[in-house]
N, C-alpha and C. Protein backbone atom coordinates (compact mmCIF):
# COMPACT_ATOMS: atom_id res chain seq x y z
N MET A 1 277.50 59.35 111.57
CA MET A 1 277.82 60.72 111.23
C MET A 1 278.79 60.73 110.05
N LEU A 2 278.56 61.66 109.07
CA LEU A 2 279.38 61.75 107.87
C LEU A 2 280.55 62.71 108.10
N THR A 3 281.71 62.35 107.56
CA THR A 3 282.87 63.24 107.65
C THR A 3 282.78 64.29 106.54
N ALA A 4 283.66 65.29 106.59
CA ALA A 4 283.66 66.37 105.60
C ALA A 4 283.97 65.80 104.22
N ARG A 5 284.83 64.81 104.18
CA ARG A 5 285.19 64.20 102.90
C ARG A 5 283.99 63.48 102.29
N ASP A 6 283.27 62.79 103.12
CA ASP A 6 282.09 62.08 102.64
C ASP A 6 281.01 63.06 102.18
N GLN A 7 280.86 64.17 102.89
CA GLN A 7 279.86 65.16 102.50
C GLN A 7 280.22 65.79 101.15
N ASN A 8 281.50 66.09 100.94
CA ASN A 8 281.92 66.67 99.66
C ASN A 8 281.69 65.70 98.51
N SER A 9 282.00 64.44 98.73
CA SER A 9 281.79 63.47 97.66
C SER A 9 280.30 63.28 97.39
N LYS A 10 279.48 63.36 98.44
CA LYS A 10 278.05 63.25 98.27
C LYS A 10 277.50 64.42 97.47
N LEU A 11 277.98 65.66 97.78
CA LEU A 11 277.53 66.84 97.05
C LEU A 11 277.98 66.77 95.60
N THR A 12 279.19 66.33 95.36
CA THR A 12 279.70 66.22 94.00
C THR A 12 278.84 65.23 93.21
N TYR A 13 278.49 64.12 93.84
CA TYR A 13 277.66 63.11 93.17
C TYR A 13 276.28 63.69 92.85
N GLN A 14 275.72 64.46 93.80
CA GLN A 14 274.40 65.05 93.58
C GLN A 14 274.44 66.07 92.44
N ARG A 15 275.48 66.87 92.37
CA ARG A 15 275.61 67.86 91.30
C ARG A 15 275.71 67.17 89.94
N GLU A 16 276.47 66.10 89.89
CA GLU A 16 276.61 65.37 88.63
C GLU A 16 275.27 64.79 88.19
N ARG A 17 274.51 64.26 89.12
CA ARG A 17 273.20 63.71 88.80
C ARG A 17 272.25 64.80 88.31
N GLU A 18 272.27 65.98 88.97
CA GLU A 18 271.41 67.08 88.56
C GLU A 18 271.78 67.56 87.15
N ARG A 19 273.07 67.64 86.87
CA ARG A 19 273.54 68.08 85.56
C ARG A 19 273.11 67.08 84.49
N ASP A 20 273.24 65.82 84.80
CA ASP A 20 272.81 64.79 83.84
C ASP A 20 271.31 64.89 83.56
N ALA A 21 270.55 65.12 84.62
CA ALA A 21 269.10 65.22 84.46
C ALA A 21 268.74 66.45 83.62
N GLU A 22 269.38 67.58 83.86
CA GLU A 22 269.10 68.79 83.09
C GLU A 22 269.51 68.63 81.64
N GLU A 23 270.62 67.93 81.41
CA GLU A 23 271.08 67.71 80.06
C GLU A 23 270.08 66.85 79.29
N GLU A 24 269.51 65.88 79.95
CA GLU A 24 268.51 65.03 79.32
C GLU A 24 267.27 65.83 78.96
N ARG A 25 266.92 66.79 79.79
CA ARG A 25 265.74 67.60 79.52
C ARG A 25 266.03 68.72 78.52
N GLY A 26 267.31 68.96 78.16
CA GLY A 26 267.66 69.96 77.16
C GLY A 26 267.86 71.35 77.72
N ARG A 27 267.87 71.47 79.02
CA ARG A 27 268.04 72.79 79.61
C ARG A 27 269.51 73.21 79.70
N PHE A 28 270.37 72.27 79.82
CA PHE A 28 271.76 72.58 80.11
C PHE A 28 272.65 71.78 79.18
N THR A 29 273.57 72.46 78.54
CA THR A 29 274.54 71.74 77.71
C THR A 29 275.93 72.19 78.10
N LEU A 30 276.84 71.27 78.10
CA LEU A 30 278.22 71.59 78.42
C LEU A 30 278.92 72.13 77.18
N ARG A 31 279.57 73.24 77.33
CA ARG A 31 280.33 73.84 76.24
C ARG A 31 281.69 74.27 76.76
N LYS A 32 282.63 74.21 75.89
CA LYS A 32 283.94 74.74 76.25
C LYS A 32 283.86 76.26 76.14
N PRO A 33 284.66 76.99 76.92
CA PRO A 33 284.57 78.45 76.88
C PRO A 33 284.84 79.05 75.50
N LYS A 34 285.71 78.46 74.70
CA LYS A 34 286.02 79.03 73.39
C LYS A 34 284.93 78.74 72.36
N GLU A 35 284.01 77.86 72.66
CA GLU A 35 282.97 77.51 71.71
C GLU A 35 281.68 78.31 71.90
N LEU A 36 281.71 79.30 72.77
CA LEU A 36 280.53 80.13 72.97
C LEU A 36 280.27 80.94 71.71
N GLU A 37 279.00 81.04 71.33
CA GLU A 37 278.67 81.76 70.10
C GLU A 37 278.54 83.25 70.38
N MET A 38 278.98 84.02 69.40
CA MET A 38 278.91 85.47 69.52
C MET A 38 277.76 85.98 68.64
N LYS A 39 277.58 87.29 68.58
CA LYS A 39 276.47 87.89 67.84
C LYS A 39 276.49 87.52 66.37
N GLY A 40 277.66 87.49 65.76
CA GLY A 40 277.77 87.25 64.33
C GLY A 40 277.53 85.80 63.94
N GLY A 41 277.31 84.92 64.89
CA GLY A 41 277.10 83.52 64.59
C GLY A 41 278.39 82.72 64.59
N GLN A 42 279.52 83.39 64.74
CA GLN A 42 280.79 82.69 64.80
C GLN A 42 281.07 82.28 66.24
N SER A 43 281.86 81.24 66.37
CA SER A 43 282.30 80.92 67.72
C SER A 43 283.43 81.88 68.07
N LYS A 44 283.70 82.00 69.34
CA LYS A 44 284.72 82.93 69.77
C LYS A 44 286.09 82.52 69.24
N ALA A 45 286.34 81.22 69.15
CA ALA A 45 287.62 80.73 68.64
C ALA A 45 287.81 81.13 67.18
N GLU A 46 286.75 81.04 66.38
CA GLU A 46 286.85 81.43 64.96
C GLU A 46 287.08 82.92 64.82
N ALA A 47 286.40 83.70 65.63
CA ALA A 47 286.51 85.16 65.53
C ALA A 47 287.91 85.62 65.90
N THR A 48 288.49 85.04 66.94
CA THR A 48 289.83 85.48 67.34
C THR A 48 290.88 85.00 66.36
N SER A 49 290.66 83.87 65.72
CA SER A 49 291.67 83.39 64.79
C SER A 49 291.65 84.19 63.48
N THR A 50 290.49 84.72 63.11
CA THR A 50 290.41 85.46 61.86
C THR A 50 290.59 86.96 62.04
N ASP A 51 290.59 87.43 63.25
CA ASP A 51 290.70 88.87 63.48
C ASP A 51 292.15 89.32 63.35
N GLN A 52 292.45 90.09 62.32
CA GLN A 52 293.82 90.52 62.05
C GLN A 52 294.31 91.52 63.08
N ARG A 53 293.41 92.29 63.65
CA ARG A 53 293.84 93.28 64.64
C ARG A 53 294.45 92.62 65.86
N LEU A 54 293.90 91.47 66.26
CA LEU A 54 294.42 90.80 67.43
C LEU A 54 295.79 90.20 67.18
N LYS A 55 296.07 89.83 65.93
CA LYS A 55 297.36 89.24 65.62
C LYS A 55 298.48 90.27 65.74
N THR A 56 298.18 91.52 65.39
CA THR A 56 299.21 92.55 65.42
C THR A 56 299.16 93.37 66.71
N ARG A 57 298.22 93.09 67.55
CA ARG A 57 298.04 93.86 68.76
C ARG A 57 299.25 93.71 69.68
N GLY A 58 299.75 94.83 70.17
CA GLY A 58 300.86 94.81 71.09
C GLY A 58 302.21 94.83 70.41
N ARG A 59 302.25 94.66 69.12
CA ARG A 59 303.52 94.69 68.40
C ARG A 59 303.71 96.08 67.82
N LYS A 60 304.88 96.62 68.04
CA LYS A 60 305.17 97.93 67.50
C LYS A 60 305.86 97.77 66.16
N LYS A 61 305.51 98.66 65.25
CA LYS A 61 306.17 98.65 63.96
C LYS A 61 307.56 99.21 64.12
N LYS A 62 308.50 98.60 63.45
CA LYS A 62 309.86 99.10 63.52
C LYS A 62 309.98 100.31 62.62
N THR A 63 310.41 101.41 63.22
CA THR A 63 310.58 102.62 62.43
C THR A 63 311.99 102.64 61.87
N ALA A 64 312.13 103.21 60.71
CA ALA A 64 313.44 103.31 60.09
C ALA A 64 314.29 104.29 60.89
N THR A 65 315.56 104.00 61.01
CA THR A 65 316.43 104.90 61.75
C THR A 65 316.62 106.19 60.96
N LYS A 66 316.69 107.29 61.67
CA LYS A 66 316.82 108.58 61.02
C LYS A 66 318.28 108.80 60.64
N ASP A 67 318.48 109.39 59.48
CA ASP A 67 319.82 109.68 59.01
C ASP A 67 320.29 110.98 59.67
N PRO A 68 321.40 110.94 60.40
CA PRO A 68 321.85 112.17 61.06
C PRO A 68 322.35 113.23 60.09
N ASN A 69 322.66 112.85 58.85
CA ASN A 69 323.15 113.81 57.87
C ASN A 69 322.04 114.52 57.12
N LYS A 70 320.80 114.06 57.30
CA LYS A 70 319.68 114.67 56.58
C LYS A 70 319.43 116.07 57.15
N PRO A 71 319.26 117.07 56.29
CA PRO A 71 319.02 118.44 56.78
C PRO A 71 317.71 118.55 57.54
N LYS A 72 317.71 119.41 58.57
CA LYS A 72 316.49 119.62 59.34
C LYS A 72 315.56 120.53 58.57
N ARG A 73 314.26 120.31 58.78
CA ARG A 73 313.27 121.14 58.09
C ARG A 73 313.33 122.57 58.63
N PRO A 74 313.03 123.55 57.78
CA PRO A 74 313.13 124.95 58.22
C PRO A 74 311.93 125.33 59.10
N PRO A 75 312.12 126.30 59.98
CA PRO A 75 310.99 126.74 60.81
C PRO A 75 310.02 127.60 60.01
N SER A 76 308.78 127.61 60.45
CA SER A 76 307.78 128.46 59.80
C SER A 76 307.97 129.90 60.28
N ALA A 77 307.19 130.79 59.73
CA ALA A 77 307.29 132.22 60.09
C ALA A 77 307.00 132.41 61.58
N PHE A 78 306.05 131.65 62.11
CA PHE A 78 305.72 131.78 63.53
C PHE A 78 306.90 131.38 64.40
N PHE A 79 307.62 130.32 64.04
CA PHE A 79 308.74 129.88 64.86
C PHE A 79 309.93 130.82 64.75
N VAL A 80 310.08 131.48 63.63
CA VAL A 80 311.11 132.52 63.51
C VAL A 80 310.74 133.66 64.45
N PHE A 81 309.46 134.03 64.46
CA PHE A 81 308.96 135.06 65.38
C PHE A 81 309.16 134.63 66.83
N LEU A 82 308.91 133.37 67.09
CA LEU A 82 308.99 132.84 68.46
C LEU A 82 310.41 132.95 69.00
N ASP A 83 311.42 132.74 68.16
CA ASP A 83 312.81 132.89 68.61
C ASP A 83 313.06 134.30 69.14
N ASP A 84 312.63 135.30 68.38
CA ASP A 84 312.82 136.68 68.82
C ASP A 84 311.96 136.99 70.04
N PHE A 85 310.74 136.49 70.06
CA PHE A 85 309.83 136.77 71.16
C PHE A 85 310.34 136.19 72.47
N ARG A 86 310.93 135.00 72.41
CA ARG A 86 311.46 134.38 73.64
C ARG A 86 312.52 135.27 74.28
N ARG A 87 313.41 135.82 73.47
CA ARG A 87 314.45 136.71 74.01
C ARG A 87 313.82 137.93 74.69
N GLU A 88 312.87 138.56 74.01
CA GLU A 88 312.19 139.73 74.58
C GLU A 88 311.45 139.37 75.86
N PHE A 89 310.78 138.22 75.85
CA PHE A 89 309.98 137.81 77.01
C PHE A 89 310.88 137.51 78.21
N LYS A 90 312.06 136.90 77.96
CA LYS A 90 312.99 136.61 79.06
C LYS A 90 313.53 137.88 79.68
N GLU A 91 313.80 138.88 78.84
CA GLU A 91 314.29 140.16 79.35
C GLU A 91 313.21 140.85 80.18
N ALA A 92 311.97 140.80 79.73
CA ALA A 92 310.88 141.46 80.44
C ALA A 92 310.47 140.69 81.69
N ASN A 93 310.56 139.34 81.65
CA ASN A 93 310.14 138.49 82.78
C ASN A 93 311.26 137.50 83.12
N PRO A 94 312.30 137.92 83.81
CA PRO A 94 313.42 137.02 84.08
C PRO A 94 313.09 135.89 85.06
N ASN A 95 312.08 136.08 85.91
CA ASN A 95 311.73 135.07 86.91
C ASN A 95 310.77 134.01 86.37
N ASN A 96 310.22 134.20 85.19
CA ASN A 96 309.25 133.26 84.64
C ASN A 96 309.98 132.07 84.02
N LYS A 97 309.69 130.84 84.52
CA LYS A 97 310.33 129.63 84.01
C LYS A 97 309.36 128.77 83.21
N SER A 98 308.12 129.22 83.08
CA SER A 98 307.09 128.42 82.43
C SER A 98 307.16 128.54 80.91
N VAL A 99 307.30 127.40 80.26
CA VAL A 99 307.32 127.37 78.80
C VAL A 99 305.92 127.67 78.25
N ALA A 100 304.92 127.19 78.96
CA ALA A 100 303.54 127.39 78.52
C ALA A 100 303.17 128.87 78.51
N ALA A 101 303.64 129.61 79.49
CA ALA A 101 303.33 131.04 79.56
C ALA A 101 303.95 131.77 78.37
N VAL A 102 305.17 131.39 78.01
CA VAL A 102 305.82 132.02 76.86
C VAL A 102 305.05 131.70 75.59
N GLY A 103 304.65 130.44 75.44
CA GLY A 103 303.91 130.02 74.25
C GLY A 103 302.57 130.71 74.12
N LYS A 104 301.86 130.85 75.24
CA LYS A 104 300.56 131.52 75.21
C LYS A 104 300.70 133.00 74.86
N ALA A 105 301.69 133.64 75.46
CA ALA A 105 301.90 135.07 75.19
C ALA A 105 302.31 135.28 73.73
N ALA A 106 303.17 134.38 73.21
CA ALA A 106 303.62 134.50 71.82
C ALA A 106 302.46 134.28 70.86
N GLY A 107 301.62 133.28 71.14
CA GLY A 107 300.47 133.00 70.29
C GLY A 107 299.49 134.16 70.26
N ALA A 108 299.27 134.76 71.43
CA ALA A 108 298.35 135.90 71.50
C ALA A 108 298.90 137.09 70.72
N LYS A 109 300.20 137.33 70.85
CA LYS A 109 300.79 138.46 70.12
C LYS A 109 300.79 138.20 68.61
N TRP A 110 301.08 136.96 68.20
CA TRP A 110 301.10 136.62 66.77
C TRP A 110 299.72 136.83 66.15
N LYS A 111 298.68 136.44 66.88
CA LYS A 111 297.32 136.62 66.36
C LYS A 111 296.95 138.09 66.23
N SER A 112 297.48 138.89 67.12
CA SER A 112 297.12 140.32 67.08
C SER A 112 297.95 141.10 66.06
N MET A 113 299.01 140.51 65.54
CA MET A 113 299.88 141.22 64.59
C MET A 113 299.21 141.31 63.21
N THR A 114 299.52 142.38 62.49
CA THR A 114 299.01 142.55 61.13
C THR A 114 299.95 141.84 60.15
N GLU A 115 299.53 141.75 58.91
CA GLU A 115 300.35 141.09 57.88
C GLU A 115 301.67 141.84 57.66
N GLU A 116 301.64 143.18 57.77
CA GLU A 116 302.86 143.96 57.60
C GLU A 116 303.86 143.66 58.70
N GLU A 117 303.37 143.46 59.92
CA GLU A 117 304.26 143.14 61.04
C GLU A 117 304.81 141.72 60.93
N LYS A 118 304.05 140.84 60.31
CA LYS A 118 304.49 139.45 60.13
C LYS A 118 305.43 139.28 58.94
N ALA A 119 305.46 140.25 58.04
CA ALA A 119 306.22 140.13 56.79
C ALA A 119 307.71 139.84 56.98
N PRO A 120 308.43 140.50 57.90
CA PRO A 120 309.86 140.19 58.04
C PRO A 120 310.10 138.74 58.46
N TYR A 121 309.23 138.22 59.31
CA TYR A 121 309.37 136.83 59.76
C TYR A 121 309.07 135.86 58.62
N ALA A 122 308.09 136.22 57.81
CA ALA A 122 307.75 135.38 56.66
C ALA A 122 308.89 135.36 55.64
N SER A 123 309.55 136.52 55.44
CA SER A 123 310.67 136.55 54.48
C SER A 123 311.85 135.75 55.00
N LYS A 124 312.13 135.83 56.32
CA LYS A 124 313.20 135.01 56.90
C LYS A 124 312.89 133.52 56.73
N ALA A 125 311.63 133.17 56.94
CA ALA A 125 311.22 131.77 56.80
C ALA A 125 311.38 131.30 55.35
N GLU A 126 311.06 132.18 54.40
CA GLU A 126 311.22 131.83 52.98
C GLU A 126 312.68 131.61 52.62
N THR A 127 313.57 132.47 53.12
CA THR A 127 315.00 132.28 52.81
C THR A 127 315.52 130.99 53.42
N ARG A 128 315.08 130.69 54.64
CA ARG A 128 315.50 129.43 55.26
C ARG A 128 314.94 128.22 54.50
N LYS A 129 313.73 128.38 53.96
CA LYS A 129 313.14 127.29 53.19
C LYS A 129 313.90 127.05 51.90
N SER A 130 314.31 128.14 51.24
CA SER A 130 315.06 127.97 49.99
C SER A 130 316.43 127.33 50.27
N GLU A 131 317.07 127.73 51.40
CA GLU A 131 318.33 127.09 51.79
C GLU A 131 318.12 125.60 52.07
N TYR A 132 317.03 125.30 52.72
CA TYR A 132 316.70 123.90 53.02
C TYR A 132 316.51 123.10 51.73
N ASN A 133 315.79 123.67 50.77
CA ASN A 133 315.57 122.96 49.50
C ASN A 133 316.87 122.68 48.79
N LYS A 134 317.81 123.66 48.81
CA LYS A 134 319.11 123.45 48.19
C LYS A 134 319.88 122.34 48.89
N SER A 135 319.89 122.37 50.22
CA SER A 135 320.62 121.34 50.96
C SER A 135 319.98 119.96 50.78
N MET A 136 318.65 119.92 50.63
CA MET A 136 317.98 118.64 50.39
C MET A 136 318.34 118.09 49.01
N GLN A 137 318.46 118.98 48.02
CA GLN A 137 318.87 118.52 46.69
C GLN A 137 320.28 117.93 46.74
N GLN A 138 321.18 118.59 47.47
CA GLN A 138 322.53 118.06 47.62
C GLN A 138 322.52 116.73 48.35
N TYR A 139 321.71 116.64 49.39
CA TYR A 139 321.60 115.41 50.17
C TYR A 139 321.07 114.27 49.30
N ASN A 140 320.03 114.55 48.53
CA ASN A 140 319.45 113.52 47.66
C ASN A 140 320.42 113.10 46.57
N MET A 141 321.23 114.04 46.08
CA MET A 141 322.25 113.70 45.08
C MET A 141 323.30 112.76 45.68
N LYS A 142 323.69 113.03 46.93
CA LYS A 142 324.65 112.15 47.61
C LYS A 142 324.08 110.75 47.76
N LEU A 143 322.81 110.66 48.12
CA LEU A 143 322.18 109.34 48.27
C LEU A 143 322.09 108.64 46.92
N ALA A 144 321.76 109.39 45.88
CA ALA A 144 321.63 108.79 44.55
C ALA A 144 322.99 108.33 44.02
N ASN A 145 324.05 109.04 44.39
CA ASN A 145 325.38 108.68 43.92
C ASN A 145 325.95 107.47 44.66
N GLY A 146 325.31 107.06 45.74
CA GLY A 146 325.74 105.82 46.38
C GLY A 146 326.35 105.95 47.74
N THR A 147 326.50 107.14 48.26
CA THR A 147 326.99 107.21 49.64
C THR A 147 325.87 106.74 50.54
N SER A 148 326.23 105.84 51.45
CA SER A 148 325.22 105.24 52.31
C SER A 148 324.90 106.16 53.47
N ARG A 149 323.85 105.81 54.18
CA ARG A 149 323.41 106.60 55.32
C ARG A 149 324.47 106.58 56.41
N GLY A 150 324.54 107.68 57.13
CA GLY A 150 325.43 107.75 58.27
C GLY A 150 326.88 108.02 57.90
N GLU A 151 327.21 108.02 56.64
CA GLU A 151 328.57 108.30 56.22
C GLU A 151 328.61 109.66 55.54
N ASP A 152 329.60 110.42 55.87
CA ASP A 152 329.78 111.72 55.25
C ASP A 152 331.18 111.75 54.68
N ASP A 153 331.33 112.18 53.42
CA ASP A 153 332.63 112.17 52.77
C ASP A 153 333.66 112.99 53.54
N GLU A 154 333.25 114.16 54.05
CA GLU A 154 334.18 115.03 54.75
C GLU A 154 334.65 114.39 56.05
N SER A 155 333.72 113.87 56.84
CA SER A 155 334.09 113.28 58.11
C SER A 155 334.91 112.01 57.88
N LYS A 156 334.65 111.29 56.82
CA LYS A 156 335.38 110.08 56.52
C LYS A 156 336.84 110.40 56.22
N SER A 157 337.08 111.47 55.43
CA SER A 157 338.46 111.82 55.09
C SER A 157 339.19 112.36 56.31
N GLU A 158 338.49 113.09 57.19
CA GLU A 158 339.14 113.60 58.39
C GLU A 158 339.56 112.47 59.31
N VAL A 159 338.74 111.44 59.39
CA VAL A 159 339.07 110.30 60.23
C VAL A 159 340.28 109.58 59.67
N ASP A 160 340.34 109.41 58.33
CA ASP A 160 341.47 108.73 57.70
C ASP A 160 342.76 109.50 57.92
N GLU A 161 342.69 110.84 57.76
CA GLU A 161 343.88 111.65 57.94
C GLU A 161 344.35 111.60 59.38
N ALA A 162 343.42 111.70 60.33
CA ALA A 162 343.80 111.67 61.73
C ALA A 162 344.35 110.29 62.10
N GLY A 163 343.73 109.25 61.59
CA GLY A 163 344.19 107.89 61.88
C GLY A 163 345.56 107.64 61.29
N GLY A 164 345.80 108.12 60.06
CA GLY A 164 347.08 107.92 59.40
C GLY A 164 348.20 108.64 60.14
N ALA A 165 347.93 109.84 60.64
CA ALA A 165 348.95 110.61 61.34
C ALA A 165 349.33 109.93 62.64
N SER A 166 348.36 109.40 63.36
CA SER A 166 348.67 108.77 64.64
C SER A 166 349.45 107.48 64.42
N GLU A 167 349.18 106.74 63.35
CA GLU A 167 349.93 105.51 63.08
C GLU A 167 351.37 105.84 62.73
N ALA A 168 351.60 106.92 61.96
CA ALA A 168 352.95 107.31 61.59
C ALA A 168 353.75 107.73 62.82
N GLU A 169 353.10 108.43 63.74
CA GLU A 169 353.78 108.84 64.97
C GLU A 169 354.17 107.63 65.80
N GLU A 170 353.27 106.62 65.84
CA GLU A 170 353.57 105.42 66.61
C GLU A 170 354.77 104.69 66.04
N GLU A 171 354.89 104.63 64.71
CA GLU A 171 356.01 103.96 64.08
C GLU A 171 357.33 104.69 64.37
N ASP A 172 357.29 106.04 64.42
CA ASP A 172 358.48 106.81 64.71
C ASP A 172 358.97 106.57 66.14
N ASP A 173 358.02 106.34 67.06
CA ASP A 173 358.38 106.12 68.45
C ASP A 173 359.09 104.78 68.63
N ASP A 174 358.79 103.79 67.78
CA ASP A 174 359.43 102.46 67.91
C ASP A 174 360.83 102.53 67.48
């Protein structure tokens, strides 16, 4: 009687013999998994090594840090309208907490408004845009003159003055 170990070795030997016989007949060839051919005629190893998308996959691009001193972009005419509409909507519906409901109601009202009704909001948006353009010109001039990001001349002088005063007080206490 054969033991389990003997049976396993016998089966392994039989499989090896069958594989050898099939290989001789040309039916079966041993290949490594990375050497399988793909549709384009390349092996899988060649395709993955040349594919640029796979090399960058999973890596996030580093975004530049935003400058806190840069002026914010002005709102459009619709967003100027939306500020006023939110106040009116809250007064009319104090129990409504849904942002989506406010947005839908504002969008529907904006679409139904005529150009004459939209004109005051458009003029407010234009004035805010002109103010934004002026502040952007000043901001760009500061950058061109050499002040680095994150530093503001006014805040820098206030810090120096406050720091100098506290040091003088400490010296008086000694």
